[in-house]
Amino acid sequence: MNKKKLIIAGVIGAALSVAAAGGAAWAHHAFAAEFDGKAPVLLRGKVTRVEWINPHAWVHINNVNKDGTTTAWMVEGGTPNTLLRSGIDRNSLKAGTEIIVRGYQSKDKLCRPACKANGRDVTFPDGKKLFMGSSGTGAPADGADPGEKK
């Protein structure tokens, strides 16, 4: 490969790297882009599944409504690594575990295929409460995030 082609290949490779990094940064949104800080939710129900994916883990629960019916919710948590550091792992969030999640509903309020919320903290059957969000996202200063400036 001559020098000119090598330089062109390097420039193209660098451009693709920047585009890929920009796409990843764009995909990781701030709280206010999707969730409503004025729409708090308190969800109680059994975990149906957990998606341990980046950039955010998703906890699926069947919330038990006041009338006894259930509604499916997808609750966005922090990254899998963030959850692990706060003490939440695959064993603590198994399907069938009853939990309470405090968080904020999505701005669109659509519930298809499930209602969506950003989780701030999760309370387990033994009463242990752990932060399940991501710090520095712009979520309301609600006391859930131990990294919040007081």
C-alpha atoms as a PDB file:
ATOM      1  CA  MET A   1       0.000   0.000   0.000  1.00  0.00           C
ATOM      2  CA  ASN A   2       1.474   3.358  -0.916  1.00  0.00           C
ATOM      3  CA  LYS A   3       1.799   6.206   1.564  1.00  0.00           C
ATOM      4  CA  LYS A   4      -1.203   8.158   0.204  1.00  0.00           C
ATOM      5  CA  LYS A   5      -3.556   5.154   0.516  1.00  0.00           C
ATOM      6  CA  LEU A   6      -2.240   4.452   4.009  1.00  0.00           C
ATOM      7  CA  ILE A   7      -2.998   8.032   5.081  1.00  0.00           C
ATOM      8  CA  ILE A   8      -6.507   7.874   3.573  1.00  0.00           C
ATOM      9  CA  ALA A   9      -7.173   4.561   5.339  1.00  0.00           C
ATOM     10  CA  GLY A  10      -5.986   6.092   8.630  1.00  0.00           C
ATOM     11  CA  VAL A  11      -8.241   9.143   8.226  1.00  0.00           C
ATOM     12  CA  ILE A  12     -11.248   6.951   7.426  1.00  0.00           C
ATOM     13  CA  GLY A  13     -10.501   4.722  10.418  1.00  0.00           C
ATOM     14  CA  ALA A  14     -10.220   7.732  12.714  1.00  0.00           C
ATOM     15  CA  ALA A  15     -13.494   9.177  11.384  1.00  0.00           C
ATOM     16  CA  LEU A  16     -15.283   5.885  11.970  1.00  0.00           C
ATOM     17  CA  SER A  17     -13.923   5.719  15.528  1.00  0.00           C
ATOM     18  CA  VAL A  18     -15.152   9.236  16.292  1.00  0.00           C
ATOM     19  CA  ALA A  19     -18.563   8.449  14.782  1.00  0.00           C
ATOM     20  CA  ALA A  20     -18.840   5.268  16.833  1.00  0.00           C
ATOM     21  CA  ALA A  21     -17.894   7.079  20.041  1.00  0.00           C
ATOM     22  CA  GLY A  22     -20.347   9.882  19.278  1.00  0.00           C
ATOM     23  CA  GLY A  23     -23.121   7.374  18.701  1.00  0.00           C
ATOM     24  CA  ALA A  24     -22.412   5.715  22.048  1.00  0.00           C
ATOM     25  CA  ALA A  25     -22.405   9.060  23.829  1.00  0.00           C
ATOM     26  CA  TRP A  26     -25.657  10.050  22.164  1.00  0.00           C
ATOM     27  CA  ALA A  27     -27.316   6.760  23.162  1.00  0.00           C
ATOM     28  CA  HIS A  28     -26.562   7.404  26.846  1.00  0.00           C
ATOM     29  CA  HIS A  29     -29.155  10.057  27.617  1.00  0.00           C
ATOM     30  CA  ALA A  30     -29.647  12.474  30.458  1.00  0.00           C
ATOM     31  CA  PHE A  31     -32.571  11.829  32.816  1.00  0.00           C
ATOM     32  CA  ALA A  32     -34.576  14.800  31.493  1.00  0.00           C
ATOM     33  CA  ALA A  33     -34.441  13.494  27.922  1.00  0.00           C
ATOM     34  CA  GLU A  34     -36.849  10.658  28.701  1.00  0.00           C
ATOM     35  CA  PHE A  35     -38.171  10.874  32.274  1.00  0.00           C
ATOM     36  CA  ASP A  36     -40.413  13.326  34.117  1.00  0.00           C
ATOM     37  CA  GLY A  37     -39.024  14.564  37.435  1.00  0.00           C
ATOM     38  CA  LYS A  38     -42.559  15.722  38.359  1.00  0.00           C
ATOM     39  CA  ALA A  39     -44.076  12.245  37.861  1.00  0.00           C
ATOM     40  CA  PRO A  40     -42.859  10.088  40.758  1.00  0.00           C
ATOM     41  CA  VAL A  41     -43.961   6.453  40.882  1.00  0.00           C
ATOM     42  CA  LEU A  42     -43.939   3.875  43.643  1.00  0.00           C
ATOM     43  CA  LEU A  43     -44.063   0.373  42.195  1.00  0.00           C
ATOM     44  CA  ARG A  44     -44.639  -2.845  44.137  1.00  0.00           C
ATOM     45  CA  GLY A  45     -44.534  -6.254  42.569  1.00  0.00           C
ATOM     46  CA  LYS A  46     -42.585  -9.272  41.445  1.00  0.00           C
ATOM     47  CA  VAL A  47     -39.580  -9.167  39.167  1.00  0.00           C
ATOM     48  CA  THR A  48     -40.390 -10.875  35.871  1.00  0.00           C
ATOM     49  CA  ARG A  49     -36.942 -10.501  34.294  1.00  0.00           C
ATOM     50  CA  VAL A  50     -33.797  -8.377  34.329  1.00  0.00           C
ATOM     51  CA  GLU A  51     -31.810  -7.210  31.325  1.00  0.00           C
ATOM     52  CA  TRP A  52     -28.165  -6.785  32.355  1.00  0.00           C
ATOM     53  CA  ILE A  53     -27.214  -4.633  29.370  1.00  0.00           C
ATOM     54  CA  ASN A  54     -25.307  -1.406  28.788  1.00  0.00           C
ATOM     55  CA  PRO A  55     -25.743   1.490  28.986  1.00  0.00           C
ATOM     56  CA  HIS A  56     -28.582   0.778  31.465  1.00  0.00           C
ATOM     57  CA  ALA A  57     -29.927  -2.368  33.072  1.00  0.00           C
ATOM     58  CA  TRP A  58     -33.707  -2.853  32.915  1.00  0.00           C
ATOM     59  CA  VAL A  59     -35.757  -4.467  35.673  1.00  0.00           C
ATOM     60  CA  HIS A  60     -39.168  -5.723  34.555  1.00  0.00           C
ATOM     61  CA  ILE A  61     -41.832  -6.007  37.247  1.00  0.00           C
ATOM     62  CA  ASN A  62     -45.560  -6.614  37.459  1.00  0.00           C
ATOM     63  CA  ASN A  63     -46.803  -3.751  39.607  1.00  0.00           C
ATOM     64  CA  VAL A  64     -49.804  -4.632  41.751  1.00  0.00           C
ATOM     65  CA  ASN A  65     -52.348  -1.831  41.355  1.00  0.00           C
ATOM     66  CA  LYS A  66     -54.722  -0.672  44.120  1.00  0.00           C
ATOM     67  CA  ASP A  67     -57.568  -2.636  42.529  1.00  0.00           C
ATOM     68  CA  GLY A  68     -55.524  -5.869  42.575  1.00  0.00           C
ATOM     69  CA  THR A  69     -54.775  -5.923  38.845  1.00  0.00           C
ATOM     70  CA  THR A  70     -51.183  -5.840  37.602  1.00  0.00           C
ATOM     71  CA  THR A  71     -49.408  -3.593  35.138  1.00  0.00           C
ATOM     72  CA  ALA A  72     -46.097  -4.437  33.478  1.00  0.00           C
ATOM     73  CA  TRP A  73     -43.321  -1.886  34.089  1.00  0.00           C
ATOM     74  CA  MET A  74     -39.795  -1.571  32.694  1.00  0.00           C
ATOM     75  CA  VAL A  75     -37.586   0.194  35.225  1.00  0.00           C
ATOM     76  CA  GLU A  76     -34.309   1.660  34.014  1.00  0.00           C
ATOM     77  CA  GLY A  77     -31.420   1.281  36.405  1.00  0.00           C
ATOM     78  CA  GLY A  78     -27.776   2.257  36.235  1.00  0.00           C
ATOM     79  CA  THR A  79     -25.204   0.291  34.295  1.00  0.00           C
ATOM     80  CA  PRO A  80     -24.726  -3.313  35.376  1.00  0.00           C
ATOM     81  CA  ASN A  81     -21.412  -2.261  36.953  1.00  0.00           C
ATOM     82  CA  THR A  82     -23.100   0.571  38.888  1.00  0.00           C
ATOM     83  CA  LEU A  83     -25.726  -1.837  40.211  1.00  0.00           C
ATOM     84  CA  LEU A  84     -23.071  -4.359  41.244  1.00  0.00           C
ATOM     85  CA  ARG A  85     -21.154  -1.660  43.135  1.00  0.00           C
ATOM     86  CA  SER A  86     -24.301  -0.648  45.012  1.00  0.00           C
ATOM     87  CA  GLY A  87     -24.959  -4.274  46.021  1.00  0.00           C
ATOM     88  CA  ILE A  88     -27.525  -5.325  43.398  1.00  0.00           C
ATOM     89  CA  ASP A  89     -26.661  -8.478  41.467  1.00  0.00           C
ATOM     90  CA  ARG A  90     -28.239 -11.364  39.553  1.00  0.00           C
ATOM     91  CA  ASN A  91     -28.991 -13.188  42.813  1.00  0.00           C
ATOM     92  CA  SER A  92     -30.770 -10.246  44.456  1.00  0.00           C
ATOM     93  CA  LEU A  93     -33.012  -9.559  41.446  1.00  0.00           C
ATOM     94  CA  LYS A  94     -34.195 -13.021  40.460  1.00  0.00           C
ATOM     95  CA  ALA A  95     -37.561 -13.505  38.748  1.00  0.00           C
ATOM     96  CA  GLY A  96     -40.269 -13.810  41.394  1.00  0.00           C
ATOM     97  CA  THR A  97     -38.554 -11.540  43.947  1.00  0.00           C
ATOM     98  CA  GLU A  98     -41.005  -9.021  45.414  1.00  0.00           C
ATOM     99  CA  ILE A  99     -39.555  -5.513  45.359  1.00  0.00           C
ATOM    100  CA  ILE A 100     -40.586  -1.914  45.826  1.00  0.00           C
ATOM    101  CA  VAL A 101     -39.143   0.606  43.376  1.00  0.00           C
ATOM    102  CA  ARG A 102     -39.272   4.359  43.782  1.00  0.00           C
ATOM    103  CA  GLY A 103     -38.634   6.325  40.612  1.00  0.00           C
ATOM    104  CA  TYR A 104     -40.027   8.597  37.901  1.00  0.00           C
ATOM    105  CA  GLN A 105     -42.279   7.768  34.947  1.00  0.00           C
ATOM    106  CA  SER A 106     -41.297   8.384  31.345  1.00  0.00           C
ATOM    107  CA  LYS A 107     -42.430  11.647  29.795  1.00  0.00           C
ATOM    108  CA  ASP A 108     -44.494   9.957  27.099  1.00  0.00           C
ATOM    109  CA  LYS A 109     -46.619   8.097  29.713  1.00  0.00           C
ATOM    110  CA  LEU A 110     -47.133   5.337  27.126  1.00  0.00           C
ATOM    111  CA  CYS A 111     -47.459   1.858  28.503  1.00  0.00           C
ATOM    112  CA  ARG A 112     -46.697  -0.124  25.359  1.00  0.00           C
ATOM    113  CA  PRO A 113     -45.269  -2.745  25.581  1.00  0.00           C
ATOM    114  CA  ALA A 114     -44.928  -1.757  29.256  1.00  0.00           C
ATOM    115  CA  CYS A 115     -44.948   1.417  31.313  1.00  0.00           C
ATOM    116  CA  LYS A 116     -41.440   2.859  31.728  1.00  0.00           C
ATOM    117  CA  ALA A 117     -39.761   4.458  34.701  1.00  0.00           C
ATOM    118  CA  ASN A 118     -36.315   5.481  35.842  1.00  0.00           C
ATOM    119  CA  GLY A 119     -35.573   3.718  39.114  1.00  0.00           C
ATOM    120  CA  ARG A 120     -34.036   5.667  41.979  1.00  0.00           C
ATOM    121  CA  ASP A 121     -34.019   3.028  44.725  1.00  0.00           C
ATOM    122  CA  VAL A 122     -35.188  -0.512  45.248  1.00  0.00           C
ATOM    123  CA  THR A 123     -36.368  -2.046  48.529  1.00  0.00           C
ATOM    124  CA  PHE A 124     -36.000  -5.805  48.973  1.00  0.00           C
ATOM    125  CA  PRO A 125     -38.225  -8.160  51.024  1.00  0.00           C
ATOM    126  CA  ASP A 126     -35.793  -7.953  53.980  1.00  0.00           C
ATOM    127  CA  GLY A 127     -36.190  -4.144  54.065  1.00  0.00           C
ATOM    128  CA  LYS A 128     -32.769  -3.390  52.567  1.00  0.00           C
ATOM    129  CA  LYS A 129     -32.953  -0.289  50.329  1.00  0.00           C
ATOM    130  CA  LEU A 130     -30.315   0.315  47.642  1.00  0.00           C
ATOM    131  CA  PHE A 131     -29.704   3.054  45.074  1.00  0.00           C
ATOM    132  CA  MET A 132     -30.359   1.673  41.581  1.00  0.00           C
ATOM    133  CA  GLY A 133     -29.874   4.721  39.367  1.00  0.00           C
ATOM    134  CA  SER A 134     -26.935   6.407  37.694  1.00  0.00           C
ATOM    135  CA  SER A 135     -25.274   9.402  39.308  1.00  0.00           C
ATOM    136  CA  GLY A 136     -24.932  12.637  37.400  1.00  0.00           C
ATOM    137  CA  THR A 137     -27.872  12.143  35.021  1.00  0.00           C
ATOM    138  CA  GLY A 138     -29.850  15.186  36.119  1.00  0.00           C
ATOM    139  CA  ALA A 139     -32.492  13.218  38.027  1.00  0.00           C
ATOM    140  CA  PRO A 140     -34.183  15.137  40.862  1.00  0.00           C
ATOM    141  CA  ALA A 141     -32.147  15.473  44.059  1.00  0.00           C
ATOM    142  CA  ASP A 142     -34.395  13.134  46.021  1.00  0.00           C
ATOM    143  CA  GLY A 143     -31.932  11.684  48.517  1.00  0.00           C
ATOM    144  CA  ALA A 144     -31.649   8.310  46.754  1.00  0.00           C
ATOM    145  CA  ASP A 145     -28.255   8.963  45.170  1.00  0.00           C
ATOM    146  CA  PRO A 146     -25.437   8.731  47.736  1.00  0.00           C
ATOM    147  CA  GLY A 147     -23.257  10.691  45.288  1.00  0.00           C
ATOM    148  CA  GLU A 148     -25.568  13.721  45.197  1.00  0.00           C
ATOM    149  CA  LYS A 149     -24.238  17.034  46.396  1.00  0.00           C
ATOM    150  CA  LYS A 150     -26.109  17.997  49.517  1.00  0.00           C
END
